[in-house]
C-alpha atoms as a PDB file:
ATOM      1  CA  MET A   1      88.732 114.562 101.148  1.00  0.00           C
ATOM      2  CA  ASP A   2      90.910 115.274  98.122  1.00  0.00           C
ATOM      3  CA  ARG A   3      92.744 112.304  96.680  1.00  0.00           C
ATOM      4  CA  ALA A   4      96.134 113.475  95.457  1.00  0.00           C
ATOM      5  CA  VAL A   5      98.422 110.614  96.382  1.00  0.00           C
ATOM      6  CA  ASP A   6      99.213 107.759  94.020  1.00  0.00           C
ATOM      7  CA  VAL A   7      98.588 104.361  95.643  1.00  0.00           C
ATOM      8  CA  ASN A   8     102.018 103.063  94.668  1.00  0.00           C
ATOM      9  CA  LEU A   9     103.593 106.135  96.259  1.00  0.00           C
ATOM     10  CA  LEU A  10     101.759 105.373  99.501  1.00  0.00           C
ATOM     11  CA  VAL A  11     103.049 101.818  99.408  1.00  0.00           C
ATOM     12  CA  ALA A  12     106.617 102.978  98.908  1.00  0.00           C
ATOM     13  CA  MET A  13     106.352 105.538 101.708  1.00  0.00           C
ATOM     14  CA  LEU A  14     104.896 103.088 104.221  1.00  0.00           C
ATOM     15  CA  PHE A  15     106.652  99.836 103.351  1.00  0.00           C
ATOM     16  CA  GLY A  16     109.748 100.860 101.427  1.00  0.00           C
ATOM     17  CA  ASN A  17     109.899  99.116  98.075  1.00  0.00           C
ATOM     18  CA  PHE A  18     107.164  96.645  99.217  1.00  0.00           C
ATOM     19  CA  ASN A  19     108.847  93.909  97.208  1.00  0.00           C
ATOM     20  CA  MET A  20     108.368  90.368  98.475  1.00  0.00           C
ATOM     21  CA  GLU A  21     109.847  88.766  95.349  1.00  0.00           C
ATOM     22  CA  PHE A  22     108.917  85.136  94.853  1.00  0.00           C
ATOM     23  CA  MET A  23     109.198  83.417  98.238  1.00  0.00           C
ATOM     24  CA  PRO A  24     107.452  84.209 101.519  1.00  0.00           C
ATOM     25  CA  LYS A  25     109.870  86.028 103.797  1.00  0.00           C
ATOM     26  CA  LYS A  26     109.208  86.878 107.408  1.00  0.00           C
ATOM     27  CA  GLU A  27     109.748  90.615 107.271  1.00  0.00           C
ATOM     28  CA  PHE A  28     106.929  91.769 109.527  1.00  0.00           C
ATOM     29  CA  PRO A  29     105.477  90.883 112.919  1.00  0.00           C
ATOM     30  CA  ILE A  30     102.036  89.469 113.641  1.00  0.00           C
ATOM     31  CA  SER A  31      99.059  91.140 111.967  1.00  0.00           C
ATOM     32  CA  ILE A  32      99.037  94.910 112.348  1.00  0.00           C
ATOM     33  CA  ILE A  33      96.333  97.399 111.424  1.00  0.00           C
ATOM     34  CA  PHE A  34      97.073 101.095 111.180  1.00  0.00           C
ATOM     35  CA  ALA A  35      94.811 103.984 110.238  1.00  0.00           C
ATOM     36  CA  GLY A  36      94.407 107.714 110.061  1.00  0.00           C
ATOM     37  CA  ILE A  37      97.805 108.633 108.603  1.00  0.00           C
ATOM     38  CA  ALA A  38      97.696 111.873 106.638  1.00  0.00           C
ATOM     39  CA  VAL A  39      99.997 111.822 103.628  1.00  0.00           C
ATOM     40  CA  VAL A  40     100.594 115.112 101.819  1.00  0.00           C
ATOM     41  CA  GLY A  41     100.336 114.866  98.051  1.00  0.00           C
ATOM     42  CA  LEU A  42     103.077 115.993  95.716  1.00  0.00           C
ATOM     43  CA  ALA A  43     100.723 118.287  93.824  1.00  0.00           C
ATOM     44  CA  GLY A  44     100.027 120.545  96.788  1.00  0.00           C
ATOM     45  CA  PRO A  45      98.709 120.662 100.334  1.00  0.00           C
ATOM     46  CA  THR A  46      96.016 118.041  99.794  1.00  0.00           C
ATOM     47  CA  ALA A  47      96.026 114.800 101.732  1.00  0.00           C
ATOM     48  CA  ALA A  48      94.728 111.264 101.586  1.00  0.00           C
ATOM     49  CA  GLU A  49      93.662 109.284 104.628  1.00  0.00           C
ATOM     50  CA  VAL A  50      95.616 106.040 104.653  1.00  0.00           C
ATOM     51  CA  HIS A  51      94.615 102.723 106.197  1.00  0.00           C
ATOM     52  CA  GLY A  52      96.739  99.608 106.248  1.00  0.00           C
ATOM     53  CA  PHE A  53      96.926  95.953 107.194  1.00  0.00           C
ATOM     54  CA  ARG A  54      99.693  93.366 107.196  1.00  0.00           C
ATOM     55  CA  ASP A  55     100.068  89.804 108.381  1.00  0.00           C
ATOM     56  CA  ASP A  56     102.999  87.377 108.207  1.00  0.00           C
ATOM     57  CA  PHE A  57     101.164  84.514 110.013  1.00  0.00           C
ATOM     58  CA  GLU A  58     104.035  83.891 112.422  1.00  0.00           C
ATOM     59  CA  ARG A  59     101.817  82.430 115.146  1.00  0.00           C
ATOM     60  CA  GLU A  60      99.879  79.289 115.985  1.00  0.00           C
ATOM     61  CA  ASN A  61      96.278  80.375 115.363  1.00  0.00           C
ATOM     62  CA  VAL A  62      94.544  82.578 112.807  1.00  0.00           C
ATOM     63  CA  GLY A  63      92.937  84.648 115.576  1.00  0.00           C
ATOM     64  CA  ASP A  64      90.623  87.593 115.038  1.00  0.00           C
ATOM     65  CA  ALA A  65      92.644  89.404 112.372  1.00  0.00           C
ATOM     66  CA  TRP A  66      90.549  87.523 109.806  1.00  0.00           C
ATOM     67  CA  THR A  67      86.868  86.602 109.664  1.00  0.00           C
ATOM     68  CA  SER A  68      86.844  83.026 108.372  1.00  0.00           C
ATOM     69  CA  HIS A  69      84.669  79.991 107.802  1.00  0.00           C
ATOM     70  CA  ALA A  70      85.094  77.687 110.776  1.00  0.00           C
ATOM     71  CA  ASN A  71      87.726  74.966 110.352  1.00  0.00           C
ATOM     72  CA  SER A  72      88.617  76.093 106.825  1.00  0.00           C
ATOM     73  CA  PHE A  73      91.733  78.115 107.663  1.00  0.00           C
ATOM     74  CA  SER A  74      94.731  77.288 109.807  1.00  0.00           C
ATOM     75  CA  ILE A  75      98.341  78.334 110.227  1.00  0.00           C
ATOM     76  CA  ARG A  76     101.042  75.812 109.434  1.00  0.00           C
ATOM     77  CA  ASN A  77     104.765  76.598 109.521  1.00  0.00           C
ATOM     78  CA  GLY A  78     104.106  80.327 109.404  1.00  0.00           C
ATOM     79  CA  VAL A  79     101.724  80.385 106.429  1.00  0.00           C
ATOM     80  CA  LEU A  80      97.931  80.542 106.114  1.00  0.00           C
ATOM     81  CA  VAL A  81      96.462  77.264 104.847  1.00  0.00           C
ATOM     82  CA  ALA A  82      93.071  77.487 103.104  1.00  0.00           C
ATOM     83  CA  SER A  83      91.063  74.273 102.712  1.00  0.00           C
ATOM     84  CA  GLN A  84      87.538  73.896 101.421  1.00  0.00           C
ATOM     85  CA  LEU A  85      85.592  71.510 103.629  1.00  0.00           C
ATOM     86  CA  PRO A  86      84.056  68.420 101.998  1.00  0.00           C
ATOM     87  CA  ASP A  87      80.413  68.951 100.995  1.00  0.00           C
ATOM     88  CA  ALA A  88      80.626  72.626 102.011  1.00  0.00           C
ATOM     89  CA  GLY A  89      78.812  73.772  98.874  1.00  0.00           C
ATOM     90  CA  HIS A  90      80.900  76.951  98.787  1.00  0.00           C
ATOM     91  CA  GLY A  91      84.554  77.841  98.785  1.00  0.00           C
ATOM     92  CA  ALA A  92      86.389  78.515 102.043  1.00  0.00           C
ATOM     93  CA  VAL A  93      86.031  82.237 102.829  1.00  0.00           C
ATOM     94  CA  THR A  94      88.237  84.560 104.873  1.00  0.00           C
ATOM     95  CA  ARG A  95      88.182  88.362 104.982  1.00  0.00           C
ATOM     96  CA  ALA A  96      90.275  91.132 106.552  1.00  0.00           C
ATOM     97  CA  GLN A  97      88.601  94.416 107.453  1.00  0.00           C
ATOM     98  CA  LEU A  98      89.985  97.530 105.760  1.00  0.00           C
ATOM     99  CA  ASN A  99      88.167 100.679 104.651  1.00  0.00           C
ATOM    100  CA  PHE A 100      89.411 102.107 101.364  1.00  0.00           C
ATOM    101  CA  ARG A 101      88.573 103.492  97.968  1.00  0.00           C
ATOM    102  CA  ASP A 102      91.929 102.882  96.268  1.00  0.00           C
ATOM    103  CA  ALA A 103      94.442 100.305  97.471  1.00  0.00           C
ATOM    104  CA  ALA A 104      97.531  98.232  96.772  1.00  0.00           C
ATOM    105  CA  ILE A 105      97.390  94.746  98.279  1.00  0.00           C
ATOM    106  CA  ASP A 106     100.283  92.282  98.157  1.00  0.00           C
ATOM    107  CA  PHE A 107     100.365  88.603  99.047  1.00  0.00           C
ATOM    108  CA  SER A 108     102.229  85.398  98.273  1.00  0.00           C
ATOM    109  CA  PHE A 109     100.370  82.244  97.263  1.00  0.00           C
ATOM    110  CA  LYS A 110     101.110  78.628  96.411  1.00  0.00           C
ATOM    111  CA  TYR A 111      98.961  75.844  95.016  1.00  0.00           C
ATOM    112  CA  ASP A 112      99.356  72.840  97.306  1.00  0.00           C
ATOM    113  CA  GLY A 113      96.566  70.618  96.016  1.00  0.00           C
ATOM    114  CA  GLY A 114      93.844  73.285  95.786  1.00  0.00           C
ATOM    115  CA  GLU A 115      92.083  74.043  92.517  1.00  0.00           C
ATOM    116  CA  ARG A 116      91.512  77.796  92.428  1.00  0.00           C
ATOM    117  CA  PHE A 117      90.886  80.861  94.564  1.00  0.00           C
ATOM    118  CA  ASN A 118      89.347  84.301  94.352  1.00  0.00           C
ATOM    119  CA  PHE A 119      90.897  87.471  95.718  1.00  0.00           C
ATOM    120  CA  VAL A 120      87.712  89.342  96.609  1.00  0.00           C
ATOM    121  CA  VAL A 121      86.948  92.958  97.540  1.00  0.00           C
ATOM    122  CA  ASP A 122      83.607  93.779  99.188  1.00  0.00           C
ATOM    123  CA  ASP A 123      81.547  96.615 100.568  1.00  0.00           C
ATOM    124  CA  LYS A 124      79.518  95.051 103.363  1.00  0.00           C
ATOM    125  CA  ASN A 125      77.116  97.999 103.261  1.00  0.00           C
ATOM    126  CA  CYS A 126      76.331  97.853  99.539  1.00  0.00           C
ATOM    127  CA  LYS A 127      72.869  96.335  99.122  1.00  0.00           C
ATOM    128  CA  GLU A 128      72.816  96.542  95.322  1.00  0.00           C
ATOM    129  CA  VAL A 129      75.107  93.544  94.839  1.00  0.00           C
ATOM    130  CA  HIS A 130      75.141  89.959  96.070  1.00  0.00           C
ATOM    131  CA  ALA A 131      77.077  89.618  99.352  1.00  0.00           C
ATOM    132  CA  GLY A 132      78.569  93.096  98.929  1.00  0.00           C
ATOM    133  CA  HIS A 133      80.929  91.930  96.168  1.00  0.00           C
ATOM    134  CA  ILE A 134      82.608  94.847  94.348  1.00  0.00           C
ATOM    135  CA  CYS A 135      85.477  93.329  92.355  1.00  0.00           C
ATOM    136  CA  ARG A 136      87.772  90.308  92.285  1.00  0.00           C
ATOM    137  CA  VAL A 137      90.629  88.454  90.700  1.00  0.00           C
ATOM    138  CA  SER A 138      89.877  84.773  90.115  1.00  0.00           C
ATOM    139  CA  PHE A 139      93.044  82.664  90.016  1.00  0.00           C
ATOM    140  CA  ARG A 140      93.195  79.166  88.550  1.00  0.00           C
ATOM    141  CA  LYS A 141      96.155  77.055  87.506  1.00  0.00           C
ATOM    142  CA  ASN A 142      95.899  78.111  83.855  1.00  0.00           C
ATOM    143  CA  GLY A 143      95.412  81.835  84.359  1.00  0.00           C
ATOM    144  CA  PHE A 144      93.325  84.484  86.074  1.00  0.00           C
ATOM    145  CA  THR A 145      90.331  86.744  85.466  1.00  0.00           C
ATOM    146  CA  ILE A 146      89.875  90.319  86.716  1.00  0.00           C
ATOM    147  CA  GLN A 147      86.194  91.085  87.218  1.00  0.00           C
ATOM    148  CA  ASP A 148      83.978  94.047  88.035  1.00  0.00           C
ATOM    149  CA  ASP A 149      81.283  92.559  90.277  1.00  0.00           C
ATOM    150  CA  ARG A 150      79.624  95.861  91.175  1.00  0.00           C
ATOM    151  CA  THR A 151      78.239  96.570  87.699  1.00  0.00           C
ATOM    152  CA  GLY A 152      78.638  93.007  86.468  1.00  0.00           C
ATOM    153  CA  VAL A 153      77.595  89.514  87.444  1.00  0.00           C
ATOM    154  CA  MET A 154      77.028  90.261  91.163  1.00  0.00           C
ATOM    155  CA  ASN A 155      74.725  93.233  90.519  1.00  0.00           C
ATOM    156  CA  LEU A 156      71.290  92.197  91.756  1.00  0.00           C
ATOM    157  CA  GLU A 157      69.419  93.846  88.908  1.00  0.00           C
ATOM    158  CA  ILE A 158      71.566  92.024  86.371  1.00  0.00           C
ATOM    159  CA  ARG A 159      71.284  88.730  88.266  1.00  0.00           C
ATOM    160  CA  GLY A 160      67.510  89.092  88.238  1.00  0.00           C
ATOM    161  CA  SER A 161      67.351  89.693  84.483  1.00  0.00           C
ATOM    162  CA  ARG A 162      70.064  87.507  82.973  1.00  0.00           C
ATOM    163  CA  ASP A 163      67.776  84.484  82.533  1.00  0.00           C
ATOM    164  CA  ASP A 164      64.970  86.538  80.995  1.00  0.00           C
ATOM    165  CA  PRO A 165      64.859  85.654  77.265  1.00  0.00           C
ATOM    166  CA  ILE A 166      64.203  89.303  76.449  1.00  0.00           C
ATOM    167  CA  HIS A 167      67.419  90.495  78.137  1.00  0.00           C
ATOM    168  CA  ARG A 168      69.635  87.395  78.012  1.00  0.00           C
ATOM    169  CA  ASP A 169      71.733  88.279  74.962  1.00  0.00           C
ATOM    170  CA  ARG A 170      72.147  91.928  75.954  1.00  0.00           C
ATOM    171  CA  ILE A 171      73.282  91.029  79.453  1.00  0.00           C
ATOM    172  CA  ALA A 172      75.655  88.329  78.219  1.00  0.00           C
ATOM    173  CA  THR A 173      77.307  90.901  75.957  1.00  0.00           C
ATOM    174  CA  LEU A 174      77.483  93.414  78.810  1.00  0.00           C
ATOM    175  CA  LEU A 175      79.073  90.913  81.190  1.00  0.00           C
ATOM    176  CA  GLU A 176      81.866  90.194  78.727  1.00  0.00           C
ATOM    177  CA  THR A 177      82.920  93.847  79.063  1.00  0.00           C
ATOM    178  CA  LYS A 178      83.120  93.506  82.858  1.00  0.00           C
ATOM    179  CA  LYS A 179      86.033  91.064  82.940  1.00  0.00           C
ATOM    180  CA  LEU A 180      89.481  90.408  81.532  1.00  0.00           C
ATOM    181  CA  THR A 181      90.964  86.911  81.287  1.00  0.00           C
ATOM    182  CA  VAL A 182      94.688  86.194  81.053  1.00  0.00           C
ATOM    183  CA  GLU A 183      95.958  82.730  80.164  1.00  0.00           C
ATOM    184  CA  MET A 184      99.153  81.568  81.872  1.00  0.00           C
ATOM    185  CA  GLU A 185     100.419  78.661  83.949  1.00  0.00           C
ATOM    186  CA  PHE A 186     100.777  78.503  87.719  1.00  0.00           C
ATOM    187  CA  VAL A 187     102.925  75.560  88.775  1.00  0.00           C
ATOM    188  CA  GLU A 188     101.868  73.403  91.715  1.00  0.00           C
ATOM    189  CA  GLY A 189     104.185  73.824  94.700  1.00  0.00           C
ATOM    190  CA  VAL A 190     105.740  77.114  93.542  1.00  0.00           C
ATOM    191  CA  TRP A 191     105.357  80.382  95.465  1.00  0.00           C
ATOM    192  CA  TYR A 192     104.118  83.422  93.519  1.00  0.00           C
ATOM    193  CA  HIS A 193     103.950  87.052  94.574  1.00  0.00           C
ATOM    194  CA  ALA A 194     100.843  89.029  93.594  1.00  0.00           C
ATOM    195  CA  ARG A 195     100.130  92.721  93.890  1.00  0.00           C
ATOM    196  CA  ILE A 196      96.583  93.907  93.232  1.00  0.00           C
ATOM    197  CA  VAL A 197      96.276  97.645  92.653  1.00  0.00           C
ATOM    198  CA  MET A 198      92.874  99.355  92.598  1.00  0.00           C
ATOM    199  CA  GLU A 199      92.973 102.978  91.557  1.00  0.00           C
ATOM    200  CA  GLY A 200      89.891 104.797  90.317  1.00  0.00           C
ATOM    201  CA  GLU A 201      88.093 102.495  87.885  1.00  0.00           C
ATOM    202  CA  GLY A 202      91.218 100.443  87.218  1.00  0.00           C
ATOM    203  CA  MET A 203      92.311  97.124  88.687  1.00  0.00           C
ATOM    204  CA  ARG A 204      95.824  95.916  87.863  1.00  0.00           C
ATOM    205  CA  VAL A 205      97.433  92.561  88.621  1.00  0.00           C
ATOM    206  CA  PHE A 206     101.202  92.262  89.014  1.00  0.00           C
ATOM    207  CA  LEU A 207     102.777  88.810  89.279  1.00  0.00           C
ATOM    208  CA  ASN A 208     106.362  88.485  90.479  1.00  0.00           C
ATOM    209  CA  GLY A 209     106.763  92.210  89.845  1.00  0.00           C
ATOM    210  CA  ILE A 210     105.458  92.216  86.258  1.00  0.00           C
ATOM    211  CA  LEU A 211     102.153  93.740  85.121  1.00  0.00           C
ATOM    212  CA  ALA A 212     100.089  90.761  83.969  1.00  0.00           C
ATOM    213  CA  GLY A 213      96.655  92.292  83.372  1.00  0.00           C
ATOM    214  CA  GLU A 214      94.487  95.376  83.816  1.00  0.00           C
ATOM    215  CA  LEU A 215      90.742  95.995  83.681  1.00  0.00           C
ATOM    216  CA  ILE A 216      89.080  99.400  83.526  1.00  0.00           C
ATOM    217  CA  SER A 217      85.422  99.233  84.563  1.00  0.00           C
ATOM    218  CA  GLU A 218      83.190 101.643  86.438  1.00  0.00           C
ATOM    219  CA  GLY A 219      82.234  99.314  89.277  1.00  0.00           C
ATOM    220  CA  ILE A 220      85.849  99.044  90.426  1.00  0.00           C
ATOM    221  CA  GLY A 221      85.647 102.749  91.256  1.00  0.00           C
ATOM    222  CA  HIS A 222      82.951 102.113  93.889  1.00  0.00           C
ATOM    223  CA  PRO A 223      83.934 104.676  96.549  1.00  0.00           C
ATOM    224  CA  THR A 224      83.541 102.616  99.723  1.00  0.00           C
ATOM    225  CA  LYS A 225      85.171  99.218 100.090  1.00  0.00           C
ATOM    226  CA  THR A 226      85.241  97.633 103.551  1.00  0.00           C
ATOM    227  CA  GLN A 227      87.038  94.288 103.322  1.00  0.00           C
ATOM    228  CA  PHE A 228      89.209  92.021 101.205  1.00  0.00           C
ATOM    229  CA  GLY A 229      90.291  88.423 101.335  1.00  0.00           C
ATOM    230  CA  PHE A 230      90.267  85.001  99.761  1.00  0.00           C
ATOM    231  CA  THR A 231      87.708  82.400  98.744  1.00  0.00           C
ATOM    232  CA  THR A 232      89.359  79.046  98.061  1.00  0.00           C
ATOM    233  CA  THR A 233      88.145  75.939  96.241  1.00  0.00           C
ATOM    234  CA  GLY A 234      89.762  72.584  97.004  1.00  0.00           C
ATOM    235  CA  ARG A 235      92.557  71.600  99.398  1.00  0.00           C
ATOM    236  CA  ASP A 236      95.036  73.275  99.927  1.00  0.00           C
ATOM    237  CA  ILE A 237      96.160  76.747  98.851  1.00  0.00           C
ATOM    238  CA  LEU A 238      98.758  78.574 100.945  1.00  0.00           C
ATOM    239  CA  PHE A 239      99.003  82.329 101.551  1.00  0.00           C
ATOM    240  CA  ASP A 240     101.663  84.451 103.221  1.00  0.00           C
ATOM    241  CA  ASN A 241     102.874  88.026 103.771  1.00  0.00           C
ATOM    242  CA  VAL A 242      99.623  89.884 103.173  1.00  0.00           C
ATOM    243  CA  LYS A 243     100.253  93.631 103.060  1.00  0.00           C
ATOM    244  CA  ALA A 244      97.669  96.276 102.209  1.00  0.00           C
ATOM    245  CA  VAL A 245      97.616 100.050 101.947  1.00  0.00           C
ATOM    246  CA  GLY A 246      94.287 101.724 101.233  1.00  0.00           C
ATOM    247  CA  SER A 247      93.336 105.372 100.885  1.00  0.00           C
ATOM    248  CA  TRP A 248      90.216 107.488 100.607  1.00  0.00           C
END
């Protein structure tokens, strides 16, 4: 199918200005998934198939809108609380199912004792990378990193060769081109609004409405992505008002 619609245009058409500002606001009902909307492009009679997801967590239990590690996620006062379990050996993982190539995904987050979290995009059917990981944004209190997993550190061929003395230096140099790090400060107890836009081979991060970083890397353009979500380290990090629009 031809792809003639800008992702930000789709967001505006489906959610208005899609602006959550800085604090979580209860604008939408319980989690909703919609699919199969044909949106005609401005350039002519081509169309993109649009899929969407949104969740304001105004309920008592997480339910089946998310696939989560047991006992690691709960809803408290209308927000999603992510907590890594002691001795878990891995961050607390939750994913929402959404098929897309390009997407704009918004959410609010707040550090409430937790250390860091990853916003992760996967293709469950991709066997060439570890755990289907395609790309991510890794947030920590002193900044964030945008990363191409598909042709970077999660690529199985690269993972199998990076410790080989013959290839070590070459791969280390390659991996530096697969990420972008931005230094900044996130204050404990303050809500932030993030928008992650994936379009073609580009991944852009907007924070409180301002473009904060962009990475162009071929793996981000992987044509089939099937889920997105959060992996959280420490206790606790809060999330709210997740809104996603994806297109093929």
